[in-house]
C-alpha atoms as a PDB file:
ATOM      1  CA  MET A   1      65.630  39.747  22.886  1.00  0.00           C
ATOM      2  CA  ARG A   2      67.568  42.443  20.996  1.00  0.00           C
ATOM      3  CA  ASN A   3      65.296  42.081  17.945  1.00  0.00           C
ATOM      4  CA  VAL A   4      62.182  42.492  20.114  1.00  0.00           C
ATOM      5  CA  LEU A   5      63.609  45.609  21.750  1.00  0.00           C
ATOM      6  CA  LEU A   6      64.538  47.106  18.403  1.00  0.00           C
ATOM      7  CA  ILE A   7      61.006  46.532  17.151  1.00  0.00           C
ATOM      8  CA  LEU A   8      59.710  48.384  20.211  1.00  0.00           C
ATOM      9  CA  LEU A   9      62.134  51.222  19.556  1.00  0.00           C
ATOM     10  CA  ALA A  10      61.089  51.421  15.925  1.00  0.00           C
ATOM     11  CA  ALA A  11      57.412  51.416  16.900  1.00  0.00           C
ATOM     12  CA  THR A  12      57.873  54.675  18.785  1.00  0.00           C
ATOM     13  CA  LEU A  13      58.998  56.519  15.653  1.00  0.00           C
ATOM     14  CA  CYS A  14      55.515  57.860  15.150  1.00  0.00           C
ATOM     15  CA  ALA A  15      55.168  59.101  18.690  1.00  0.00           C
ATOM     16  CA  GLY A  16      55.512  62.756  19.531  1.00  0.00           C
ATOM     17  CA  CYS A  17      58.072  64.115  21.943  1.00  0.00           C
ATOM     18  CA  ALA A  18      57.256  63.266  25.538  1.00  0.00           C
ATOM     19  CA  ARG A  19      58.970  65.231  28.277  1.00  0.00           C
ATOM     20  CA  THR A  20      57.940  63.291  31.358  1.00  0.00           C
ATOM     21  CA  ASN A  21      60.433  61.764  33.754  1.00  0.00           C
ATOM     22  CA  ASN A  22      58.871  58.368  33.126  1.00  0.00           C
ATOM     23  CA  ASP A  23      59.565  58.624  29.387  1.00  0.00           C
ATOM     24  CA  ILE A  24      63.178  59.578  30.069  1.00  0.00           C
ATOM     25  CA  GLU A  25      63.545  56.647  32.457  1.00  0.00           C
ATOM     26  CA  GLN A  26      62.063  54.219  29.935  1.00  0.00           C
ATOM     27  CA  ALA A  27      64.459  55.450  27.249  1.00  0.00           C
ATOM     28  CA  VAL A  28      67.413  54.924  29.595  1.00  0.00           C
ATOM     29  CA  ARG A  29      66.183  51.436  30.504  1.00  0.00           C
ATOM     30  CA  ARG A  30      65.753  50.497  26.841  1.00  0.00           C
ATOM     31  CA  GLN A  31      69.311  51.554  26.099  1.00  0.00           C
ATOM     32  CA  LEU A  32      70.650  49.532  29.024  1.00  0.00           C
ATOM     33  CA  GLU A  33      68.679  46.470  27.930  1.00  0.00           C
ATOM     34  CA  VAL A  34      70.013  46.614  24.380  1.00  0.00           C
ATOM     35  CA  TYR A  35      73.473  47.954  25.280  1.00  0.00           C
ATOM     36  CA  PRO A  36      74.207  46.921  28.887  1.00  0.00           C
ATOM     37  CA  LEU A  37      77.748  48.326  28.782  1.00  0.00           C
ATOM     38  CA  SER A  38      76.453  51.851  28.197  1.00  0.00           C
ATOM     39  CA  THR A  39      77.986  54.475  30.461  1.00  0.00           C
ATOM     40  CA  MET A  40      76.613  57.889  31.392  1.00  0.00           C
ATOM     41  CA  GLN A  41      78.637  59.215  28.460  1.00  0.00           C
ATOM     42  CA  ASP A  42      76.632  57.016  26.072  1.00  0.00           C
ATOM     43  CA  ILE A  43      73.356  58.093  27.682  1.00  0.00           C
ATOM     44  CA  TYR A  44      74.400  61.716  27.158  1.00  0.00           C
ATOM     45  CA  LYS A  45      75.229  61.011  23.513  1.00  0.00           C
ATOM     46  CA  SER A  46      71.862  59.401  22.816  1.00  0.00           C
ATOM     47  CA  PHE A  47      69.819  62.224  24.333  1.00  0.00           C
ATOM     48  CA  TYR A  48      72.098  64.852  22.797  1.00  0.00           C
ATOM     49  CA  GLN A  49      71.571  63.343  19.342  1.00  0.00           C
ATOM     50  CA  ASP A  50      67.819  63.394  19.917  1.00  0.00           C
ATOM     51  CA  ARG A  51      67.957  67.077  20.843  1.00  0.00           C
ATOM     52  CA  PHE A  52      70.475  68.417  18.309  1.00  0.00           C
ATOM     53  CA  GLY A  53      70.723  65.906  15.472  1.00  0.00           C
ATOM     54  CA  PRO A  54      73.883  65.556  13.364  1.00  0.00           C
ATOM     55  CA  GLY A  55      74.619  69.219  12.628  1.00  0.00           C
ATOM     56  CA  HIS A  56      77.732  69.259  14.825  1.00  0.00           C
ATOM     57  CA  MET A  57      79.265  66.529  12.658  1.00  0.00           C
ATOM     58  CA  ILE A  58      79.046  68.363   9.347  1.00  0.00           C
ATOM     59  CA  THR A  59      81.647  70.927   8.395  1.00  0.00           C
ATOM     60  CA  ASP A  60      82.431  69.879   4.827  1.00  0.00           C
ATOM     61  CA  THR A  61      79.938  68.103   2.549  1.00  0.00           C
ATOM     62  CA  LEU A  62      82.565  66.338   0.433  1.00  0.00           C
ATOM     63  CA  ALA A  63      84.421  65.157   3.507  1.00  0.00           C
ATOM     64  CA  VAL A  64      81.165  63.788   4.932  1.00  0.00           C
ATOM     65  CA  ARG A  65      80.579  61.688   1.825  1.00  0.00           C
ATOM     66  CA  GLU A  66      84.179  60.470   1.646  1.00  0.00           C
ATOM     67  CA  TYR A  67      84.274  59.505   5.314  1.00  0.00           C
ATOM     68  CA  LEU A  68      81.019  57.596   4.968  1.00  0.00           C
ATOM     69  CA  LEU A  69      82.570  55.427   2.249  1.00  0.00           C
ATOM     70  CA  TYR A  70      85.604  54.818   4.459  1.00  0.00           C
ATOM     71  CA  GLU A  71      83.462  53.912   7.464  1.00  0.00           C
ATOM     72  CA  VAL A  72      81.299  51.585   5.360  1.00  0.00           C
ATOM     73  CA  SER A  73      84.420  49.558   4.611  1.00  0.00           C
ATOM     74  CA  VAL A  74      85.297  49.481   8.317  1.00  0.00           C
ATOM     75  CA  ALA A  75      81.789  48.413   9.285  1.00  0.00           C
ATOM     76  CA  ASP A  76      81.892  45.643   6.693  1.00  0.00           C
ATOM     77  CA  ALA A  77      84.680  43.971   8.665  1.00  0.00           C
ATOM     78  CA  ASP A  78      82.772  44.093  11.969  1.00  0.00           C
ATOM     79  CA  THR A  79      81.797  40.829  13.598  1.00  0.00           C
ATOM     80  CA  VAL A  80      79.388  42.564  15.979  1.00  0.00           C
ATOM     81  CA  PRO A  81      75.854  42.533  14.476  1.00  0.00           C
ATOM     82  CA  ASN A  82      74.438  46.051  14.809  1.00  0.00           C
ATOM     83  CA  PRO A  83      70.708  46.673  14.316  1.00  0.00           C
ATOM     84  CA  TYR A  84      69.477  48.246  11.105  1.00  0.00           C
ATOM     85  CA  TYR A  85      68.088  51.318  12.862  1.00  0.00           C
ATOM     86  CA  GLU A  86      66.966  52.573  16.266  1.00  0.00           C
ATOM     87  CA  ASN A  87      65.661  55.675  18.003  1.00  0.00           C
ATOM     88  CA  VAL A  88      67.824  57.917  20.126  1.00  0.00           C
ATOM     89  CA  GLY A  89      66.775  59.623  23.353  1.00  0.00           C
ATOM     90  CA  ASP A  90      63.161  59.654  24.463  1.00  0.00           C
ATOM     91  CA  CYS A  91      61.531  61.782  21.779  1.00  0.00           C
ATOM     92  CA  GLY A  92      62.440  59.924  18.597  1.00  0.00           C
ATOM     93  CA  ARG A  93      63.270  63.098  16.674  1.00  0.00           C
ATOM     94  CA  TYR A  94      66.209  61.257  15.123  1.00  0.00           C
ATOM     95  CA  VAL A  95      67.060  57.702  14.153  1.00  0.00           C
ATOM     96  CA  ARG A  96      70.425  55.964  14.055  1.00  0.00           C
ATOM     97  CA  VAL A  97      70.691  54.161  10.720  1.00  0.00           C
ATOM     98  CA  TYR A  98      73.533  51.664  10.827  1.00  0.00           C
ATOM     99  CA  LEU A  99      75.959  51.259   7.955  1.00  0.00           C
ATOM    100  CA  ARG A 100      75.150  47.565   7.645  1.00  0.00           C
ATOM    101  CA  CYS A 101      72.142  48.826   5.641  1.00  0.00           C
ATOM    102  CA  VAL A 102      74.612  49.934   2.970  1.00  0.00           C
ATOM    103  CA  ASN A 103      76.763  46.828   3.227  1.00  0.00           C
ATOM    104  CA  GLU A 104      73.721  44.586   2.863  1.00  0.00           C
ATOM    105  CA  GLY A 105      72.369  46.497  -0.138  1.00  0.00           C
ATOM    106  CA  MET A 106      69.308  47.998   1.531  1.00  0.00           C
ATOM    107  CA  LEU A 107      70.488  51.549   0.903  1.00  0.00           C
ATOM    108  CA  THR A 108      73.181  53.101  -1.236  1.00  0.00           C
ATOM    109  CA  ALA A 109      75.931  55.158   0.361  1.00  0.00           C
ATOM    110  CA  GLU A 110      74.592  58.130  -1.602  1.00  0.00           C
ATOM    111  CA  GLN A 111      71.069  57.720  -0.219  1.00  0.00           C
ATOM    112  CA  LEU A 112      72.312  57.564   3.351  1.00  0.00           C
ATOM    113  CA  SER A 113      74.773  60.406   2.917  1.00  0.00           C
ATOM    114  CA  ASP A 114      72.158  62.649   1.323  1.00  0.00           C
ATOM    115  CA  ALA A 115      69.616  61.919   4.066  1.00  0.00           C
ATOM    116  CA  PHE A 116      72.275  62.574   6.699  1.00  0.00           C
ATOM    117  CA  LEU A 117      73.231  65.936   5.224  1.00  0.00           C
ATOM    118  CA  ARG A 118      69.600  67.045   4.986  1.00  0.00           C
ATOM    119  CA  SER A 119      69.039  65.998   8.594  1.00  0.00           C
ATOM    120  CA  ALA A 120      71.461  68.656   9.824  1.00  0.00           C
ATOM    121  CA  ARG A 121      68.952  71.498   9.799  1.00  0.00           C
ATOM    122  CA  PRO A 122      68.618  73.627  12.955  1.00  0.00           C
ATOM    123  CA  GLN A 123      66.130  72.339  15.501  1.00  0.00           C
ATOM    124  CA  GLU A 124      63.419  74.367  17.183  1.00  0.00           C
ATOM    125  CA  GLN A 125      64.179  75.460  20.726  1.00  0.00           C
ATOM    126  CA  THR A 126      62.437  73.535  23.486  1.00  0.00           C
ATOM    127  CA  GLY A 127      62.230  76.461  25.919  1.00  0.00           C
ATOM    128  CA  GLN A 128      64.600  74.731  28.326  1.00  0.00           C
ATOM    129  CA  SER A 129      68.379  74.875  28.165  1.00  0.00           C
ATOM    130  CA  TRP A 130      70.245  71.703  27.293  1.00  0.00           C
ATOM    131  CA  ALA A 131      72.183  72.038  30.551  1.00  0.00           C
ATOM    132  CA  ASP A 132      68.925  71.919  32.527  1.00  0.00           C
ATOM    133  CA  GLU A 133      67.605  69.037  30.426  1.00  0.00           C
ATOM    134  CA  TRP A 134      70.788  67.068  30.943  1.00  0.00           C
ATOM    135  CA  LYS A 135      70.797  67.685  34.690  1.00  0.00           C
ATOM    136  CA  ASN A 136      67.382  66.038  34.901  1.00  0.00           C
ATOM    137  CA  ILE A 137      68.318  63.189  32.535  1.00  0.00           C
ATOM    138  CA  GLU A 138      71.468  62.478  34.542  1.00  0.00           C
ATOM    139  CA  ARG A 139      69.488  62.395  37.778  1.00  0.00           C
ATOM    140  CA  ILE A 140      67.003  59.926  36.324  1.00  0.00           C
ATOM    141  CA  ALA A 141      69.768  57.783  34.784  1.00  0.00           C
ATOM    142  CA  ASN A 142      71.479  57.634  38.172  1.00  0.00           C
ATOM    143  CA  ARG A 143      68.228  56.533  39.758  1.00  0.00           C
ATOM    144  CA  THR A 144      67.871  53.914  37.038  1.00  0.00           C
ATOM    145  CA  GLY A 145      71.250  52.420  37.925  1.00  0.00           C
ATOM    146  CA  VAL A 146      73.742  54.192  35.658  1.00  0.00           C
ATOM    147  CA  THR A 147      76.710  55.031  37.862  1.00  0.00           C
ATOM    148  CA  CYS A 148      79.092  57.808  36.906  1.00  0.00           C
ATOM    149  CA  PRO A 149      82.440  58.847  38.388  1.00  0.00           C
ATOM    150  CA  ALA A 150      82.431  62.418  39.678  1.00  0.00           C
ATOM    151  CA  GLU A 151      85.056  63.513  37.174  1.00  0.00           C
ATOM    152  CA  LEU A 152      83.046  62.242  34.185  1.00  0.00           C
ATOM    153  CA  SER A 153      79.858  63.736  35.600  1.00  0.00           C
ATOM    154  CA  GLU A 154      81.539  67.131  35.766  1.00  0.00           C
ATOM    155  CA  LEU A 155      82.875  66.812  32.205  1.00  0.00           C
ATOM    156  CA  LEU A 156      79.420  65.967  30.904  1.00  0.00           C
ATOM    157  CA  ARG A 157      77.868  68.884  32.759  1.00  0.00           C
ATOM    158  CA  GLU A 158      80.471  71.213  31.251  1.00  0.00           C
ATOM    159  CA  ALA A 159      79.696  69.804  27.804  1.00  0.00           C
ATOM    160  CA  ALA A 160      75.995  70.391  28.391  1.00  0.00           C
ATOM    161  CA  GLU A 161      76.617  73.999  29.429  1.00  0.00           C
ATOM    162  CA  THR A 162      78.190  74.704  26.025  1.00  0.00           C
ATOM    163  CA  GLU A 163      75.940  72.277  24.072  1.00  0.00           C
ATOM    164  CA  ARG A 164      78.908  70.149  23.045  1.00  0.00           C
ATOM    165  CA  ALA A 165      78.665  66.624  21.677  1.00  0.00           C
ATOM    166  CA  VAL A 166      80.700  63.754  23.109  1.00  0.00           C
ATOM    167  CA  HIS A 167      81.988  60.479  21.659  1.00  0.00           C
ATOM    168  CA  HIS A 168      80.774  57.074  22.705  1.00  0.00           C
ATOM    169  CA  SER A 169      82.678  55.680  25.656  1.00  0.00           C
ATOM    170  CA  GLU A 170      85.592  53.357  24.985  1.00  0.00           C
ATOM    171  CA  ALA A 171      83.702  50.480  26.609  1.00  0.00           C
ATOM    172  CA  TYR A 172      80.744  51.060  24.288  1.00  0.00           C
ATOM    173  CA  ARG A 173      82.902  51.333  21.174  1.00  0.00           C
ATOM    174  CA  ASN A 174      84.804  48.166  21.991  1.00  0.00           C
ATOM    175  CA  ALA A 175      81.664  46.169  22.739  1.00  0.00           C
ATOM    176  CA  TYR A 176      79.280  47.373  20.026  1.00  0.00           C
ATOM    177  CA  HIS A 177      81.359  48.894  17.194  1.00  0.00           C
ATOM    178  CA  PRO A 178      78.786  51.617  16.465  1.00  0.00           C
ATOM    179  CA  HIS A 179      78.847  52.682  12.812  1.00  0.00           C
ATOM    180  CA  TYR A 180      75.770  54.716  11.933  1.00  0.00           C
ATOM    181  CA  ARG A 181      74.424  58.020  10.701  1.00  0.00           C
ATOM    182  CA  ILE A 182      71.830  60.175  12.442  1.00  0.00           C
ATOM    183  CA  ILE A 183      68.758  60.776  10.282  1.00  0.00           C
ATOM    184  CA  GLU A 184      65.869  63.114  11.042  1.00  0.00           C
ATOM    185  CA  ARG A 185      62.726  61.119  11.742  1.00  0.00           C
ATOM    186  CA  SER A 186      60.497  62.373   8.919  1.00  0.00           C
ATOM    187  CA  ILE A 187      63.260  61.900   6.330  1.00  0.00           C
ATOM    188  CA  PHE A 188      63.872  58.387   7.633  1.00  0.00           C
ATOM    189  CA  ALA A 189      60.176  57.466   7.610  1.00  0.00           C
ATOM    190  CA  ARG A 190      59.551  58.969   4.179  1.00  0.00           C
ATOM    191  CA  GLU A 191      62.643  57.784   2.316  1.00  0.00           C
ATOM    192  CA  LEU A 192      64.535  54.998   4.074  1.00  0.00           C
ATOM    193  CA  GLN A 193      62.423  52.919   6.443  1.00  0.00           C
ATOM    194  CA  ALA A 194      60.399  51.036   3.813  1.00  0.00           C
ATOM    195  CA  LEU A 195      63.548  50.160   1.876  1.00  0.00           C
ATOM    196  CA  ILE A 196      65.203  48.742   4.993  1.00  0.00           C
ATOM    197  CA  ASP A 197      62.117  46.934   6.277  1.00  0.00           C
ATOM    198  CA  GLN A 198      61.360  45.356   2.918  1.00  0.00           C
ATOM    199  CA  ARG A 199      64.865  43.994   2.442  1.00  0.00           C
ATOM    200  CA  SER A 200      65.248  42.852   6.060  1.00  0.00           C
ATOM    201  CA  ALA A 201      62.013  40.859   5.782  1.00  0.00           C
ATOM    202  CA  GLU A 202      63.187  38.925   2.705  1.00  0.00           C
END
């Protein structure tokens, strides 16, 4: 089931950004199907990554490369099988590329690090504030069945007001051990996808 869902996620890479409530709901449902322990915090993170990319994670290029090598070694010890890649949010502007691609020889750490750094360019404005976008996403996620304590809901709304990123929830981290880098869609499609798909099909 997970493989089928990941294929569906990958198939939407070529789609443009859709801003309908139905598209948001489908993105939430896909995440819950693949990662049923997702909380509202993890929904926020996915849509935030789709809107803003990885720029908030990059303050020092050398540190980014060094930490990637460290995290690759951590991911190598994981017993939880992550996918190779998947979309985030509902627009597919960015793709999560999991570090197992490096551990399994599909990509080099340098290739992934370089693509990650180049993915941190500023994004065009959508004409709607992130706070307003998140308010609508949260409403739809609630309707879809994602419950959220009032305190967490308020923290996420405050984060949205200042366009802050959040970490994955503890439940998500413990269940899925997410080790990935966020790559801009066109860079992924042009430079990485064929390498991953070819090796994964062998």
